[in-house]
């Protein structure tokens, strides 16, 4: 549902659904929770909300340390802000 909302330009709806997906995922499946958080961060990045994206990505990395998908998203967030270091 979140992906469809995103494809149709409904950022608020996509953010709501990605948040719901992350919060209602199986608590034992840390990777899936973090994947949902990365998708949420990607939605924030798409609309230039870099601080919110990084906050969500930090949560994803705390939840599932060294998760390569979250690390790549964090790099995209930093690059979008011209922070290439």
PDB file of N, CA and C in Angstrom:
ATOM      1  N   UNK A   1       0.831  -1.185   0.000  1.00  0.00           N
ATOM      2  CA  UNK A   1       0.000   0.000   0.000  1.00  0.00           C
ATOM      3  C   UNK A   1       0.879   1.254   0.000  1.00  0.00           C
ATOM      4  N   UNK A   2       1.931   1.239   0.814  1.00  0.00           N
ATOM      5  CA  UNK A   2       2.817   2.402   0.890  1.00  0.00           C
ATOM      6  C   UNK A   2       3.462   2.687  -0.462  1.00  0.00           C
ATOM      7  N   UNK A   3       3.909   1.650  -1.131  1.00  0.00           N
ATOM      8  CA  UNK A   3       4.552   1.828  -2.439  1.00  0.00           C
ATOM      9  C   UNK A   3       3.571   2.417  -3.450  1.00  0.00           C
ATOM     10  N   UNK A   4       2.357   1.934  -3.447  1.00  0.00           N
ATOM     11  CA  UNK A   4       1.348   2.474  -4.360  1.00  0.00           C
ATOM     12  C   UNK A   4       1.060   3.937  -4.067  1.00  0.00           C
ATOM     13  N   UNK A   5       0.949   4.257  -2.799  1.00  0.00           N
ATOM     14  CA  UNK A   5       0.711   5.660  -2.439  1.00  0.00           C
ATOM     15  C   UNK A   5       1.871   6.534  -2.904  1.00  0.00           C
ATOM     16  N   UNK A   6       3.076   6.036  -2.725  1.00  0.00           N
ATOM     17  CA  UNK A   6       4.251   6.783  -3.155  1.00  0.00           C
ATOM     18  C   UNK A   6       4.236   6.992  -4.671  1.00  0.00           C
ATOM     19  N   UNK A   7       3.923   5.943  -5.401  1.00  0.00           N
ATOM     20  CA  UNK A   7       3.883   6.039  -6.864  1.00  0.00           C
ATOM     21  C   UNK A   7       2.846   7.034  -7.358  1.00  0.00           C
ATOM     22  N   UNK A   8       1.795   7.224  -6.577  1.00  0.00           N
ATOM     23  CA  UNK A   8       0.734   8.161  -6.959  1.00  0.00           C
ATOM     24  C   UNK A   8       0.937   9.553  -6.359  1.00  0.00           C
ATOM     25  N   UNK A   9       2.115   9.780  -5.764  1.00  0.00           N
ATOM     26  CA  UNK A   9       2.441  11.104  -5.249  1.00  0.00           C
ATOM     27  C   UNK A   9       1.832  11.441  -3.901  1.00  0.00           C
ATOM     28  N   UNK A  10       1.308  10.450  -3.209  1.00  0.00           N
ATOM     29  CA  UNK A  10       0.703  10.664  -1.895  1.00  0.00           C
ATOM     30  C   UNK A  10       1.764  10.452  -0.816  1.00  0.00           C
ATOM     31  N   UNK A  11       2.603  11.477  -0.616  1.00  0.00           N
ATOM     32  CA  UNK A  11       3.705  11.356   0.332  1.00  0.00           C
ATOM     33  C   UNK A  11       3.205  11.102   1.743  1.00  0.00           C
ATOM     34  N   UNK A  12       2.208  11.852   2.168  1.00  0.00           N
ATOM     35  CA  UNK A  12       1.680  11.693   3.528  1.00  0.00           C
ATOM     36  C   UNK A  12       1.172  10.267   3.742  1.00  0.00           C
ATOM     37  N   UNK A  13       0.435   9.747   2.775  1.00  0.00           N
ATOM     38  CA  UNK A  13      -0.087   8.392   2.888  1.00  0.00           C
ATOM     39  C   UNK A  13       1.016   7.352   2.873  1.00  0.00           C
ATOM     40  N   UNK A  14       2.029   7.555   2.032  1.00  0.00           N
ATOM     41  CA  UNK A  14       3.147   6.619   1.967  1.00  0.00           C
ATOM     42  C   UNK A  14       3.913   6.611   3.286  1.00  0.00           C
ATOM     43  N   UNK A  15       4.178   7.790   3.826  1.00  0.00           N
ATOM     44  CA  UNK A  15       4.885   7.885   5.111  1.00  0.00           C
ATOM     45  C   UNK A  15       4.078   7.183   6.199  1.00  0.00           C
ATOM     46  N   UNK A  16       2.797   7.408   6.210  1.00  0.00           N
ATOM     47  CA  UNK A  16       1.928   6.768   7.204  1.00  0.00           C
ATOM     48  C   UNK A  16       1.996   5.238   7.093  1.00  0.00           C
ATOM     49  N   UNK A  17       1.922   4.720   5.891  1.00  0.00           N
ATOM     50  CA  UNK A  17       1.922   3.267   5.698  1.00  0.00           C
ATOM     51  C   UNK A  17       3.294   2.642   5.975  1.00  0.00           C
ATOM     52  N   UNK A  18       4.386   3.319   5.572  1.00  0.00           N
ATOM     53  CA  UNK A  18       5.717   2.791   5.887  1.00  0.00           C
ATOM     54  C   UNK A  18       5.952   2.805   7.393  1.00  0.00           C
ATOM     55  N   UNK A  19       5.484   3.835   8.064  1.00  0.00           N
ATOM     56  CA  UNK A  19       5.604   3.902   9.522  1.00  0.00           C
ATOM     57  C   UNK A  19       4.820   2.764  10.161  1.00  0.00           C
ATOM     58  N   UNK A  20       3.597   2.557   9.702  1.00  0.00           N
ATOM     59  CA  UNK A  20       2.770   1.469  10.225  1.00  0.00           C
ATOM     60  C   UNK A  20       3.434   0.121   9.989  1.00  0.00           C
ATOM     61  N   UNK A  21       3.980  -0.070   8.804  1.00  0.00           N
ATOM     62  CA  UNK A  21       4.650  -1.336   8.488  1.00  0.00           C
ATOM     63  C   UNK A  21       5.831  -1.583   9.423  1.00  0.00           C
ATOM     64  N   UNK A  22       6.626  -0.557   9.672  1.00  0.00           N
ATOM     65  CA  UNK A  22       7.789  -0.710  10.551  1.00  0.00           C
ATOM     66  C   UNK A  22       7.370  -0.998  11.988  1.00  0.00           C
ATOM     67  N   UNK A  23       6.312  -0.341  12.436  1.00  0.00           N
ATOM     68  CA  UNK A  23       5.878  -0.482  13.838  1.00  0.00           C
ATOM     69  C   UNK A  23       5.095  -1.769  14.105  1.00  0.00           C
ATOM     70  N   UNK A  24       4.505  -2.340  13.066  1.00  0.00           N
ATOM     71  CA  UNK A  24       3.693  -3.548  13.269  1.00  0.00           C
ATOM     72  C   UNK A  24       4.379  -4.814  12.781  1.00  0.00           C
ATOM     73  N   UNK A  25       5.597  -4.691  12.275  1.00  0.00           N
ATOM     74  CA  UNK A  25       6.347  -5.870  11.822  1.00  0.00           C
ATOM     75  C   UNK A  25       6.674  -6.760  13.017  1.00  0.00           C
ATOM     76  N   UNK A  26       6.945  -8.003  12.727  1.00  0.00           N
ATOM     77  CA  UNK A  26       7.336  -8.963  13.763  1.00  0.00           C
ATOM     78  C   UNK A  26       8.532  -8.409  14.540  1.00  0.00           C
ATOM     79  N   UNK A  27       8.411  -8.253  15.856  1.00  0.00           N
ATOM     80  CA  UNK A  27       9.507  -7.674  16.650  1.00  0.00           C
ATOM     81  C   UNK A  27      10.804  -8.486  16.582  1.00  0.00           C
ATOM     82  N   UNK A  28      10.700  -9.747  16.233  1.00  0.00           N
ATOM     83  CA  UNK A  28      11.896 -10.586  16.111  1.00  0.00           C
ATOM     84  C   UNK A  28      12.596 -10.402  14.772  1.00  0.00           C
ATOM     85  N   UNK A  29      11.913  -9.819  13.812  1.00  0.00           N
ATOM     86  CA  UNK A  29      12.473  -9.635  12.471  1.00  0.00           C
ATOM     87  C   UNK A  29      13.035  -8.220  12.335  1.00  0.00           C
ATOM     88  N   UNK A  30      14.190  -8.029  12.936  1.00  0.00           N
ATOM     89  CA  UNK A  30      14.824  -6.704  12.955  1.00  0.00           C
ATOM     90  C   UNK A  30      15.196  -6.224  11.551  1.00  0.00           C
ATOM     91  N   UNK A  31      15.575  -7.142  10.681  1.00  0.00           N
ATOM     92  CA  UNK A  31      15.952  -6.741   9.329  1.00  0.00           C
ATOM     93  C   UNK A  31      14.745  -6.173   8.578  1.00  0.00           C
ATOM     94  N   UNK A  32      13.594  -6.819   8.685  1.00  0.00           N
ATOM     95  CA  UNK A  32      12.415  -6.322   7.990  1.00  0.00           C
ATOM     96  C   UNK A  32      11.963  -4.981   8.560  1.00  0.00           C
ATOM     97  N   UNK A  33      12.016  -4.833   9.882  1.00  0.00           N
ATOM     98  CA  UNK A  33      11.677  -3.540  10.486  1.00  0.00           C
ATOM     99  C   UNK A  33      12.586  -2.456   9.913  1.00  0.00           C
ATOM    100  N   UNK A  34      13.865  -2.744   9.851  1.00  0.00           N
ATOM    101  CA  UNK A  34      14.815  -1.761   9.333  1.00  0.00           C
ATOM    102  C   UNK A  34      14.595  -1.496   7.848  1.00  0.00           C
ATOM    103  N   UNK A  35      14.214  -2.525   7.090  1.00  0.00           N
ATOM    104  CA  UNK A  35      13.902  -2.326   5.675  1.00  0.00           C
ATOM    105  C   UNK A  35      12.743  -1.339   5.522  1.00  0.00           C
ATOM    106  N   UNK A  36      11.713  -1.503   6.336  1.00  0.00           N
ATOM    107  CA  UNK A  36      10.571  -0.579   6.280  1.00  0.00           C
ATOM    108  C   UNK A  36      11.002   0.834   6.638  1.00  0.00           C
ATOM    109  N   UNK A  37      11.903   0.957   7.609  1.00  0.00           N
ATOM    110  CA  UNK A  37      12.402   2.273   7.983  1.00  0.00           C
ATOM    111  C   UNK A  37      13.218   2.894   6.852  1.00  0.00           C
ATOM    112  N   UNK A  38      13.973   2.084   6.136  1.00  0.00           N
ATOM    113  CA  UNK A  38      14.737   2.595   4.987  1.00  0.00           C
ATOM    114  C   UNK A  38      13.778   3.109   3.914  1.00  0.00           C
ATOM    115  N   UNK A  39      12.724   2.367   3.644  1.00  0.00           N
ATOM    116  CA  UNK A  39      11.732   2.818   2.668  1.00  0.00           C
ATOM    117  C   UNK A  39      11.094   4.135   3.128  1.00  0.00           C
ATOM    118  N   UNK A  40      10.839   4.255   4.413  1.00  0.00           N
ATOM    119  CA  UNK A  40      10.304   5.495   4.970  1.00  0.00           C
ATOM    120  C   UNK A  40      11.307   6.633   4.759  1.00  0.00           C
ATOM    121  N   UNK A  41      12.561   6.370   5.029  1.00  0.00           N
ATOM    122  CA  UNK A  41      13.604   7.383   4.833  1.00  0.00           C
ATOM    123  C   UNK A  41      13.710   7.777   3.363  1.00  0.00           C
ATOM    124  N   UNK A  42      13.600   6.800   2.473  1.00  0.00           N
ATOM    125  CA  UNK A  42      13.638   7.108   1.036  1.00  0.00           C
ATOM    126  C   UNK A  42      12.515   8.069   0.658  1.00  0.00           C
ATOM    127  N   UNK A  43      11.369   7.883   1.266  1.00  0.00           N
ATOM    128  CA  UNK A  43      10.235   8.784   0.995  1.00  0.00           C
ATOM    129  C   UNK A  43      10.575  10.201   1.465  1.00  0.00           C
ATOM    130  N   UNK A  44      11.178  10.333   2.629  1.00  0.00           N
ATOM    131  CA  UNK A  44      11.590  11.651   3.120  1.00  0.00           C
ATOM    132  C   UNK A  44      12.641  12.268   2.192  1.00  0.00           C
ATOM    133  N   UNK A  45      13.587  11.448   1.756  1.00  0.00           N
ATOM    134  CA  UNK A  45      14.633  11.957   0.856  1.00  0.00           C
ATOM    135  C   UNK A  45      14.053  12.484  -0.440  1.00  0.00           C
ATOM    136  N   UNK A  46      13.063  11.801  -0.954  1.00  0.00           N
ATOM    137  CA  UNK A  46      12.448  12.190  -2.225  1.00  0.00           C
ATOM    138  C   UNK A  46      11.895  13.612  -2.153  1.00  0.00           C
ATOM    139  N   UNK A  47      11.496  14.031  -0.957  1.00  0.00           N
ATOM    140  CA  UNK A  47      10.896  15.361  -0.796  1.00  0.00           C
ATOM    141  C   UNK A  47      11.822  16.333  -0.070  1.00  0.00           C
ATOM    142  N   UNK A  48      13.123  15.980   0.016  1.00  0.00           N
ATOM    143  CA  UNK A  48      14.115  16.896   0.569  1.00  0.00           C
ATOM    144  C   UNK A  48      14.094  17.039   2.074  1.00  0.00           C
ATOM    145  N   UNK A  49      13.496  16.103   2.766  1.00  0.00           N
ATOM    146  CA  UNK A  49      13.440  16.148   4.234  1.00  0.00           C
ATOM    147  C   UNK A  49      14.604  15.328   4.792  1.00  0.00           C
ATOM    148  N   UNK A  50      15.795  15.888   4.651  1.00  0.00           N
ATOM    149  CA  UNK A  50      17.023  15.166   4.965  1.00  0.00           C
ATOM    150  C   UNK A  50      17.168  14.848   6.447  1.00  0.00           C
ATOM    151  N   UNK A  51      16.847  15.783   7.313  1.00  0.00           N
ATOM    152  CA  UNK A  51      16.979  15.538   8.756  1.00  0.00           C
ATOM    153  C   UNK A  51      16.065  14.396   9.189  1.00  0.00           C
ATOM    154  N   UNK A  52      14.837  14.391   8.697  1.00  0.00           N
ATOM    155  CA  UNK A  52      13.911  13.310   9.045  1.00  0.00           C
ATOM    156  C   UNK A  52      14.411  11.976   8.496  1.00  0.00           C
ATOM    157  N   UNK A  53      14.925  11.996   7.289  1.00  0.00           N
ATOM    158  CA  UNK A  53      15.442  10.768   6.682  1.00  0.00           C
ATOM    159  C   UNK A  53      16.596  10.210   7.507  1.00  0.00           C
ATOM    160  N   UNK A  54      17.529  11.067   7.892  1.00  0.00           N
ATOM    161  CA  UNK A  54      18.673  10.599   8.669  1.00  0.00           C
ATOM    162  C   UNK A  54      18.257  10.081  10.038  1.00  0.00           C
ATOM    163  N   UNK A  55      17.279  10.716  10.646  1.00  0.00           N
ATOM    164  CA  UNK A  55      16.777  10.245  11.948  1.00  0.00           C
ATOM    165  C   UNK A  55      16.219   8.822  11.817  1.00  0.00           C
ATOM    166  N   UNK A  56      15.431   8.596  10.780  1.00  0.00           N
ATOM    167  CA  UNK A  56      14.846   7.270  10.551  1.00  0.00           C
ATOM    168  C   UNK A  56      15.938   6.254  10.224  1.00  0.00           C
ATOM    169  N   UNK A  57      16.922   6.659   9.437  1.00  0.00           N
ATOM    170  CA  UNK A  57      18.014   5.750   9.093  1.00  0.00           C
ATOM    171  C   UNK A  57      18.861   5.409  10.314  1.00  0.00           C
ATOM    172  N   UNK A  58      19.054   6.373  11.200  1.00  0.00           N
ATOM    173  CA  UNK A  58      19.774   6.080  12.439  1.00  0.00           C
ATOM    174  C   UNK A  58      19.006   5.051  13.271  1.00  0.00           C
ATOM    175  N   UNK A  59      17.689   5.168  13.287  1.00  0.00           N
ATOM    176  CA  UNK A  59      16.866   4.182  13.992  1.00  0.00           C
ATOM    177  C   UNK A  59      17.018   2.805  13.352  1.00  0.00           C
ATOM    178  N   UNK A  60      17.011   2.764  12.023  1.00  0.00           N
ATOM    179  CA  UNK A  60      17.170   1.490  11.316  1.00  0.00           C
ATOM    180  C   UNK A  60      18.513   0.850  11.650  1.00  0.00           C
ATOM    181  N   UNK A  61      19.563   1.668  11.706  1.00  0.00           N
ATOM    182  CA  UNK A  61      20.897   1.140  12.001  1.00  0.00           C
ATOM    183  C   UNK A  61      21.059   0.749  13.467  1.00  0.00           C
ATOM    184  N   UNK A  62      20.360   1.420  14.353  1.00  0.00           N
ATOM    185  CA  UNK A  62      20.373   1.025  15.762  1.00  0.00           C
ATOM    186  C   UNK A  62      19.648  -0.308  15.918  1.00  0.00           C
ATOM    187  N   UNK A  63      18.557  -0.435  15.211  1.00  0.00           N
ATOM    188  CA  UNK A  63      17.731  -1.634  15.264  1.00  0.00           C
ATOM    189  C   UNK A  63      18.455  -2.853  14.664  1.00  0.00           C
ATOM    190  N   UNK A  64      19.164  -2.634  13.553  1.00  0.00           N
ATOM    191  CA  UNK A  64      19.858  -3.711  12.837  1.00  0.00           C
ATOM    192  C   UNK A  64      21.213  -3.167  12.385  1.00  0.00           C
ATOM    193  N   UNK A  65      22.211  -3.201  13.285  1.00  0.00           N
ATOM    194  CA  UNK A  65      23.510  -2.578  13.012  1.00  0.00           C
ATOM    195  C   UNK A  65      24.175  -3.090  11.731  1.00  0.00           C
ATOM    196  N   UNK A  66      24.837  -2.164  11.056  1.00  0.00           N
ATOM    197  CA  UNK A  66      25.595  -2.447   9.831  1.00  0.00           C
ATOM    198  C   UNK A  66      24.733  -2.977   8.682  1.00  0.00           C
ATOM    199  N   UNK A  67      23.447  -2.686   8.710  1.00  0.00           N
ATOM    200  CA  UNK A  67      22.541  -3.129   7.651  1.00  0.00           C
ATOM    201  C   UNK A  67      22.914  -2.399   6.376  1.00  0.00           C
ATOM    202  N   UNK A  68      23.367  -3.150   5.384  1.00  0.00           N
ATOM    203  CA  UNK A  68      23.910  -2.547   4.169  1.00  0.00           C
ATOM    204  C   UNK A  68      22.895  -1.675   3.425  1.00  0.00           C
ATOM    205  N   UNK A  69      21.637  -2.027   3.472  1.00  0.00           N
ATOM    206  CA  UNK A  69      20.608  -1.232   2.788  1.00  0.00           C
ATOM    207  C   UNK A  69      20.467   0.136   3.471  1.00  0.00           C
ATOM    208  N   UNK A  70      20.504   0.143   4.797  1.00  0.00           N
ATOM    209  CA  UNK A  70      20.409   1.401   5.550  1.00  0.00           C
ATOM    210  C   UNK A  70      21.674   2.235   5.374  1.00  0.00           C
ATOM    211  N   UNK A  71      22.829   1.577   5.341  1.00  0.00           N
ATOM    212  CA  UNK A  71      24.081   2.313   5.135  1.00  0.00           C
ATOM    213  C   UNK A  71      24.104   2.986   3.765  1.00  0.00           C
ATOM    214  N   UNK A  72      23.626   2.289   2.763  1.00  0.00           N
ATOM    215  CA  UNK A  72      23.574   2.880   1.414  1.00  0.00           C
ATOM    216  C   UNK A  72      22.614   4.060   1.377  1.00  0.00           C
ATOM    217  N   UNK A  73      21.479   3.928   2.052  1.00  0.00           N
ATOM    218  CA  UNK A  73      20.512   5.026   2.104  1.00  0.00           C
ATOM    219  C   UNK A  73      21.091   6.224   2.849  1.00  0.00           C
ATOM    220  N   UNK A  74      21.834   5.940   3.902  1.00  0.00           N
ATOM    221  CA  UNK A  74      22.474   7.031   4.656  1.00  0.00           C
ATOM    222  C   UNK A  74      23.480   7.764   3.762  1.00  0.00           C
ATOM    223  N   UNK A  75      24.210   7.025   2.958  1.00  0.00           N
ATOM    224  CA  UNK A  75      25.157   7.643   2.021  1.00  0.00           C
ATOM    225  C   UNK A  75      24.412   8.510   1.007  1.00  0.00           C
ATOM    226  N   UNK A  76      23.265   8.041   0.519  1.00  0.00           N
ATOM    227  CA  UNK A  76      22.466   8.850  -0.413  1.00  0.00           C
ATOM    228  C   UNK A  76      21.982  10.130   0.259  1.00  0.00           C
ATOM    229  N   UNK A  77      21.587  10.027   1.523  1.00  0.00           N
ATOM    230  CA  UNK A  77      21.110  11.207   2.263  1.00  0.00           C
ATOM    231  C   UNK A  77      22.234  12.223   2.422  1.00  0.00           C
ATOM    232  N   UNK A  78      23.415  11.732   2.773  1.00  0.00           N
ATOM    233  CA  UNK A  78      24.550  12.642   2.941  1.00  0.00           C
ATOM    234  C   UNK A  78      24.962  13.254   1.606  1.00  0.00           C
ATOM    235  N   UNK A  79      24.981  12.467   0.564  1.00  0.00           N
ATOM    236  CA  UNK A  79      25.361  12.972  -0.757  1.00  0.00           C
ATOM    237  C   UNK A  79      24.375  14.020  -1.246  1.00  0.00           C
ATOM    238  N   UNK A  80      23.099  13.831  -0.943  1.00  0.00           N
ATOM    239  CA  UNK A  80      22.084  14.808  -1.347  1.00  0.00           C
ATOM    240  C   UNK A  80      22.299  16.154  -0.661  1.00  0.00           C
ATOM    241  N   UNK A  81      22.964  16.119   0.473  1.00  0.00           N
ATOM    242  CA  UNK A  81      23.273  17.341   1.217  1.00  0.00           C
ATOM    243  C   UNK A  81      24.688  17.855   0.926  1.00  0.00           C
ATOM    244  N   UNK A  82      25.317  17.270  -0.075  1.00  0.00           N
ATOM    245  CA  UNK A  82      26.689  17.635  -0.494  1.00  0.00           C
ATOM    246  C   UNK A  82      27.723  17.316   0.578  1.00  0.00           C
ATOM    247  N   UNK A  83      27.421  16.354   1.454  1.00  0.00           N
ATOM    248  CA  UNK A  83      28.360  15.911   2.491  1.00  0.00           C
ATOM    249  C   UNK A  83      28.980  14.610   2.016  1.00  0.00           C
ATOM    250  N   UNK A  84      30.018  14.720   1.208  1.00  0.00           N
ATOM    251  CA  UNK A  84      30.633  13.537   0.622  1.00  0.00           C
ATOM    252  C   UNK A  84      31.728  12.930   1.506  1.00  0.00           C
ATOM    253  N   UNK A  85      32.028  13.562   2.597  1.00  0.00           N
ATOM    254  CA  UNK A  85      33.047  13.009   3.510  1.00  0.00           C
ATOM    255  C   UNK A  85      32.479  11.804   4.204  1.00  0.00           C
TER     256      UNK A  85
END
